[in-house]
Each structure stands twice: as structure tokens, then as C-alpha cells.
Protein backbone atom coordinates (compact mmCIF):
# COMPACT_ATOMS: atom_id res chain seq x y z
CA UNK A 1 1.73 3.45 -0.84
CA UNK A 2 4.86 1.82 0.56
CA UNK A 3 4.80 -1.22 2.85
CA UNK A 4 5.47 0.83 5.99
CA UNK A 5 2.57 3.18 5.32
CA UNK A 6 0.28 0.29 4.39
CA UNK A 7 1.12 -1.45 7.66
CA UNK A 8 0.50 1.77 9.59
CA UNK A 9 -2.94 2.19 8.02
CA UNK A 10 -3.91 -1.41 8.69
CA UNK A 11 -2.76 -1.22 12.30
CA UNK A 12 -4.39 2.13 13.04
CA UNK A 13 -6.89 1.78 15.85
CA UNK A 14 -10.55 2.40 15.16
CA UNK A 15 -11.82 5.83 16.24
CA UNK A 16 -13.84 6.03 19.43
CA UNK A 17 -14.74 9.72 19.63
CA UNK A 18 -14.44 13.09 17.89
CA UNK A 19 -11.08 14.89 18.09
CA UNK A 20 -10.24 16.31 21.54
CA UNK A 21 -11.60 19.76 22.25
CA UNK A 22 -8.10 21.16 22.76
CA UNK A 23 -7.10 19.86 19.34
CA UNK A 24 -10.03 21.69 17.82
CA UNK A 25 -8.41 24.91 19.02
CA UNK A 26 -5.69 24.28 16.44
CA UNK A 27 -8.20 25.03 13.71
CA UNK A 28 -7.06 28.66 13.93
CA UNK A 29 -4.29 27.55 11.54
CA UNK A 30 -6.84 27.81 8.74
CA UNK A 31 -6.40 31.57 8.91
CA UNK A 32 -2.74 31.15 7.94
CA UNK A 33 -3.62 29.14 4.82
CA UNK A 34 -6.31 31.65 3.88
CA UNK A 35 -3.92 34.57 4.37
CA UNK A 36 -1.41 32.91 2.04
CA UNK A 37 -3.92 32.45 -0.78
CA UNK A 38 -2.91 35.59 -2.72
CA UNK A 39 0.73 34.46 -2.70
CA UNK A 40 -0.15 30.87 -3.57
CA UNK A 41 -2.47 31.79 -6.42
CA UNK A 42 -0.18 34.57 -7.61
CA UNK A 43 2.72 32.16 -7.82
CA UNK A 44 0.60 29.63 -9.66
CA UNK A 45 -0.44 32.32 -12.15
CA UNK A 46 3.16 33.45 -12.83
CA UNK A 47 4.40 29.89 -13.30
CA UNK A 48 1.49 29.10 -15.59
CA UNK A 49 2.49 31.89 -17.96
CA UNK A 50 5.86 30.27 -18.55
CA UNK A 51 5.38 26.53 -18.13
CA UNK A 52 1.82 26.03 -19.37
CA UNK A 53 1.22 28.87 -21.82
CA UNK A 54 1.34 26.49 -24.79
CA UNK A 55 0.24 23.33 -23.01
CA UNK A 56 -2.98 21.64 -24.15
CA UNK A 57 -5.98 21.66 -21.86
CA UNK A 58 -6.29 18.46 -19.84
CA UNK A 59 -9.16 16.45 -21.19
CA UNK A 60 -10.36 14.97 -17.90
CA UNK A 61 -13.05 17.11 -16.23
CA UNK A 62 -12.97 17.57 -12.46
CA UNK A 63 -15.99 18.09 -10.20
CA UNK A 64 -15.61 19.78 -6.80
CA UNK A 65 -17.64 18.77 -3.71
CA UNK A 66 -17.71 21.28 -0.79
CA UNK A 67 -17.71 20.39 2.89
CA UNK A 68 -20.53 20.54 5.41
CA UNK A 69 -21.93 24.03 5.87
CA UNK A 70 -20.15 25.45 2.82
CA UNK A 71 -20.90 25.93 -0.86
CA UNK A 72 -18.96 26.03 -4.12
CA UNK A 73 -17.25 29.28 -3.11
CA UNK A 74 -15.13 27.41 -0.57
CA UNK A 75 -13.67 25.28 -3.38
CA UNK A 76 -13.02 28.23 -5.70
CA UNK A 77 -9.33 28.79 -4.84
CA UNK A 78 -8.42 25.14 -5.46
CA UNK A 79 -10.61 25.19 -8.54
CA UNK A 80 -8.77 28.25 -9.88
CA UNK A 81 -5.42 26.57 -9.21
CA UNK A 82 -6.49 23.48 -11.18
CA UNK A 83 -7.85 25.57 -14.04
CA UNK A 84 -4.48 27.25 -14.32
CA UNK A 85 -2.96 23.81 -14.56
CA UNK A 86 -5.18 23.04 -17.54
CA UNK A 87 -8.07 21.14 -15.93
CA UNK A 88 -11.72 21.82 -16.71
CA UNK A 89 -13.38 22.17 -13.32
CA UNK A 90 -17.06 22.05 -12.42
CA UNK A 91 -19.06 22.87 -9.31
CA UNK A 92 -21.34 20.20 -7.94
CA UNK A 93 -24.49 22.24 -8.61
CA UNK A 94 -26.24 21.47 -5.33
CA UNK A 95 -25.75 24.71 -3.41
CA UNK A 96 -24.73 24.67 0.25
CA UNK A 97 -23.83 21.28 1.69
CA UNK A 98 -26.20 20.85 4.63
CA UNK A 99 -25.98 17.05 4.75
CA UNK A 100 -29.09 16.76 2.58
CA UNK A 101 -31.45 18.10 5.22
CA UNK A 102 -32.17 21.24 3.22
CA UNK A 103 -33.91 18.96 0.69
CA UNK A 104 -37.35 17.72 1.78
CA UNK A 105 -37.41 13.94 1.56
CA UNK A 106 -38.56 10.73 3.19
CA UNK A 107 -36.82 7.37 3.39
CA UNK A 108 -38.98 6.23 0.49
CA UNK A 109 -37.20 8.78 -1.68
CA UNK A 110 -33.83 7.04 -1.28
CA UNK A 111 -32.49 4.91 -4.11
CA UNK A 112 -32.72 1.15 -3.68
CA UNK A 113 -28.89 0.99 -3.51
CA UNK A 114 -29.18 2.04 0.13
CA UNK A 115 -29.85 -1.08 2.20
CA UNK A 116 -31.57 0.41 5.20
CA UNK A 117 -31.15 -1.47 8.46
CA UNK A 118 -34.22 -0.14 10.25
CA UNK A 119 -35.60 -1.45 13.51
CA UNK A 120 -38.63 -3.72 13.16
CA UNK A 121 -40.74 -1.27 15.13
CA UNK A 122 -39.56 1.75 13.08
CA UNK A 123 -42.27 4.35 12.57
CA UNK A 124 -41.97 6.81 9.64
CA UNK A 125 -43.15 9.56 11.98
CA UNK A 126 -39.99 9.10 14.04
CA UNK A 127 -37.71 9.87 11.09
CA UNK A 128 -35.46 12.82 11.95
CA UNK A 129 -33.47 13.04 8.71
CA UNK A 130 -30.88 10.30 9.16
CA UNK A 131 -31.11 9.59 5.42
CA UNK A 132 -30.23 13.15 4.48
CA UNK A 133 -26.69 12.35 3.37
CA UNK A 134 -27.78 9.30 1.31
CA UNK A 135 -30.41 11.50 -0.34
CA UNK A 136 -27.74 14.12 -1.03
CA UNK A 137 -25.55 11.39 -2.55
CA UNK A 138 -28.42 10.36 -4.83
CA UNK A 139 -28.77 13.94 -6.06
CA UNK A 140 -25.02 14.21 -6.60
CA UNK A 141 -25.10 10.97 -8.58
CA UNK A 142 -27.75 12.49 -10.84
CA UNK A 143 -25.57 15.59 -11.30
CA UNK A 144 -22.50 13.57 -12.32
CA UNK A 145 -24.55 11.36 -14.63
CA UNK A 146 -25.94 14.44 -16.38
CA UNK A 147 -22.47 15.98 -16.74
CA UNK A 148 -21.14 12.67 -18.05
CA UNK A 149 -23.82 12.56 -20.74
CA UNK A 150 -22.81 16.07 -21.80
CA UNK A 151 -19.05 15.54 -21.72
CA UNK A 152 -18.93 11.86 -22.70
CA UNK A 153 -15.91 11.56 -20.42
CA UNK A 154 -15.46 10.19 -16.91
CA UNK A 155 -15.06 12.78 -14.16
CA UNK A 156 -12.47 12.97 -11.41
CA UNK A 157 -14.08 13.97 -8.10
CA UNK A 158 -12.45 16.16 -5.45
CA UNK A 159 -14.26 16.47 -2.12
CA UNK A 160 -13.55 18.32 1.11
CA UNK A 161 -14.79 16.82 4.40
CA UNK A 162 -18.41 15.63 3.96
CA UNK A 163 -18.07 16.50 0.27
CA UNK A 164 -15.42 13.81 0.04
CA UNK A 165 -17.76 11.25 1.55
CA UNK A 166 -20.40 12.18 -1.03
CA UNK A 167 -17.82 11.92 -3.82
CA UNK A 168 -16.90 8.42 -2.65
CA UNK A 169 -20.52 7.28 -2.82
CA UNK A 170 -20.92 8.78 -6.30
CA UNK A 171 -17.86 6.84 -7.44
CA UNK A 172 -19.15 3.66 -5.82
CA UNK A 173 -22.51 3.96 -7.54
CA UNK A 174 -21.36 5.00 -11.02
CA UNK A 175 -18.20 2.94 -11.42
CA UNK A 176 -15.03 3.72 -13.38
CA UNK A 177 -16.88 4.27 -16.67
CA UNK A 178 -18.24 7.58 -15.33
CA UNK A 179 -15.89 8.42 -12.44
CA UNK A 180 -12.15 8.02 -13.00
CA UNK A 181 -10.85 8.68 -9.48
CA UNK A 182 -11.67 10.25 -6.11
CA UNK A 183 -9.57 12.66 -4.04
CA UNK A 184 -10.70 13.49 -0.51
CA UNK A 185 -9.54 16.23 1.85
CA UNK A 186 -9.95 15.29 5.52
CA UNK A 187 -13.14 13.36 4.78
CA UNK A 188 -14.77 10.83 7.12
CA UNK A 189 -14.85 7.36 5.61
CA UNK A 190 -16.56 5.58 8.49
CA UNK A 191 -18.94 6.53 11.30
CA UNK A 192 -20.72 9.48 9.71
CA UNK A 193 -20.92 12.38 12.18
CA UNK A 194 -20.13 10.16 15.18
CA UNK A 195 -16.37 10.80 15.08
CA UNK A 196 -16.60 14.49 14.17
CA UNK A 197 -17.14 17.71 16.11
CA UNK A 198 -20.48 17.99 14.30
CA UNK A 199 -21.82 15.07 16.33
CA UNK A 200 -23.43 17.43 18.85
CA UNK A 201 -25.45 19.09 16.06
CA UNK A 202 -26.92 15.77 14.95
CA UNK A 203 -27.49 14.55 18.51
CA UNK A 204 -29.40 17.74 19.27
CA UNK A 205 -31.68 16.94 16.33
CA UNK A 206 -32.33 13.48 17.76
CA UNK A 207 -30.59 11.57 14.96
CA UNK A 208 -30.07 7.84 15.41
CA UNK A 209 -26.29 7.77 15.01
CA UNK A 210 -26.17 3.97 15.30
CA UNK A 211 -28.45 3.70 12.26
CA UNK A 212 -26.25 6.09 10.27
CA UNK A 213 -23.10 4.16 11.14
CA UNK A 214 -24.69 0.83 10.19
CA UNK A 215 -25.81 2.27 6.83
CA UNK A 216 -22.27 3.48 6.13
CA UNK A 217 -20.77 0.13 7.10
CA UNK A 218 -23.18 -1.58 4.71
CA UNK A 219 -22.12 0.67 1.84
CA UNK A 220 -18.46 0.05 2.60
CA UNK A 221 -18.99 -3.66 1.97
CA UNK A 222 -19.21 -2.76 -1.74
CA UNK A 223 -15.66 -1.87 -2.85
CA UNK A 224 -14.91 1.36 -4.70
CA UNK A 225 -13.02 0.24 -7.80
CA UNK A 226 -11.46 3.56 -8.81
CA UNK A 227 -8.16 4.93 -7.47
CA UNK A 228 -8.67 6.92 -4.27
CA UNK A 229 -6.34 9.54 -2.83
CA UNK A 230 -6.94 10.36 0.82
CA UNK A 231 -5.35 13.47 2.34
CA UNK A 232 -5.62 13.41 6.13
CA UNK A 233 -4.23 15.20 9.18
CA UNK A 234 -3.62 13.73 12.60
CA UNK A 235 -4.03 17.23 14.03
CA UNK A 236 -7.46 17.68 12.41
CA UNK A 237 -9.70 19.34 14.97
CA UNK A 238 -13.03 18.47 13.32
CA UNK A 239 -12.81 14.83 12.16
CA UNK A 240 -10.93 12.09 14.02
CA UNK A 241 -8.14 11.17 11.61
CA UNK A 242 -8.69 7.45 12.23
CA UNK A 243 -12.17 7.80 10.72
CA UNK A 244 -10.51 9.00 7.49
CA UNK A 245 -8.62 5.74 6.97
CA UNK A 246 -9.90 3.54 4.14
CA UNK A 247 -9.06 -0.09 4.90
CA UNK A 248 -11.69 -1.47 2.50
CA UNK A 249 -10.88 -0.15 -0.98
CA UNK A 250 -8.41 -2.06 -3.18
CA UNK A 251 -6.71 0.97 -4.75
CA UNK A 252 -6.20 3.71 -2.17
CA UNK A 253 -3.31 5.93 -1.13
CA UNK A 254 -3.15 7.92 2.12
CA UNK A 255 -1.11 11.12 2.44
CA UNK A 256 -0.60 12.80 5.79
CA UNK A 257 -0.31 16.58 6.17
CA UNK A 258 0.00 18.64 9.33
CA UNK A 259 -2.91 20.92 8.48
CA UNK A 260 -6.22 22.06 9.95
CA UNK A 261 -9.53 20.67 8.79
CA UNK A 262 -10.85 24.12 7.91
CA UNK A 263 -7.66 25.06 6.08
CA UNK A 264 -6.82 21.93 4.09
CA UNK A 265 -8.74 23.12 1.03
CA UNK A 266 -6.61 26.28 0.96
CA UNK A 267 -3.27 24.61 1.71
CA UNK A 268 -0.63 24.65 -1.04
CA UNK A 269 0.77 21.23 -0.05
CA UNK A 270 -2.73 19.75 -0.27
CA UNK A 271 -3.19 21.38 -3.67
CA UNK A 272 0.04 19.79 -4.89
CA UNK A 273 -1.16 16.36 -3.74
CA UNK A 274 -4.48 16.89 -5.53
CA UNK A 275 -2.65 17.91 -8.69
CA UNK A 276 -0.28 14.94 -8.51
CA UNK A 277 -3.23 12.57 -8.15
CA UNK A 278 -5.07 14.11 -11.10
CA UNK A 279 -1.96 13.90 -13.27
CA UNK A 280 -1.93 10.14 -12.74
CA UNK A 281 -5.23 9.80 -14.61
């Protein structure tokens, strides 16, 4: 990151709300990226026959983390692109990403790494599922640990939207011995759902958004040591781009694209940034 970009990131104002409703209308651009997939993948296949036919397989495995409301299928095009570039890719093995609330749990089920800032008068019966994402992170940590034992190599993690947040927490928990780097696609770094269009879903369920934000802030006090690549879009209609900025980690690069939130995982420029980051490992 050059000095100008670093200064821009540091001076960026904190988010105060989700993206404007009118900006969310720009998410129709995802259809353009999806429509171009046959051309993008076809071009990647043709080039691979000439430039990579005799190239060795990259040794570093890559695990893919889907966004909220999606499953491994949403990551398949990017996964196919990376496979054709020689990378061994893996799904996260946790089905559809529903922020952990498809897994029955209580707060007692969360790992001790989560320092819960609960009100003194908190009653377990009032729990609505605010710890769903931390519980999902714990399960993802178990998945990566298991894969690490099998491969005996650190994994690079690529996450889209909420999947990127989960990937960050896996990297924070496991350290560079098991996770080599993290690449996020339009992922919230701070605030949880508060600065996303999904906030209404969680408010309707009665979630304590202040509690979620405090828990995230607490986690962010523990630096992520590994290199982080953040791909963000100021025209994102789902997550406020300011919530994607990482001002805490010591080794992070931010790359801006003019792309929709729903289309970034299918965008050829985003794919190239992901590939460039992986090739630095």
C-alpha cells in the first residue's frame, strides 16, 4: 500500500449507517458479472492450456468461505479459476452461511476466546442468537484445523462478505502456522450487521446490535498477524465500504474496485486481485 492510500484509509470516516437505499439499486450490476462468467472462465481455460500446461501445482491449499445466505456453490466459479491456475481449493464444509443461527447453540457453547461483554442483568432466556457468528467461527476454526492436520500445510483463506469476516477470525485464532493469509471480498470488518443492508433482518429478530459490535471491537484488539488483502467497493449496495476498512492489522492492503457486492465474487478484476495476493505467498 502506498503512502497516499494508507493516508486515505486512516482518514476514512467511521461508518454510521448501511449503504443508501438508492445505492443498493446498483446491485443489478451483479447480473453483468454473472453473464460474463462463460467468457471469463473460457478465457482462463484457453490460457491455462498454453501457459500452465506444464506448470507444477501450487503447494499452498486455499479454503473458500461463502457470504451470508449462500453456500459453496457461490464460490465455485472463483474456485474453478484458481484451480486452473494450479491452486488446490477446498470448500469450507459448513453448508449455507446463515450467520451460525442454523446451528443450535447457547452462549455457553462459545469458545473462551470470545470475551463476552454481557449486561449484569443478562438472562439466558433473553438470548436471541447474537453469538451465532462467533459460534460459526468456532466451527470454521475446527474445519481449518482438521484440514491442516491432513495437509500439514497452512491454508490461505478467501472469504466473500460475511465469509470474509469468518475467515479473519479463523486466521486470528490459528495464527500464521496454520493460516498463511486472508483475502476478503467486500467483507465487514467492524460493526457486524449494523452497517449492512441485512441490519433489518437482525433487528426484526430482536438482536442486540450493540452487544455484537462490542464483541467485534474486543476481537479487533487482538491483531491478525498474517497478510490481509481487502477488496472493497465504494458503490457496494449491501455493506458500507467504510466498515470494510481495517485500521487495526499490521499487514493489510486495501484494493478498491467499482463493483457490486453481489457480483464481486464473479468479477474478473477481483479474481485477478485474489490471484495476485495468493501468488505472494
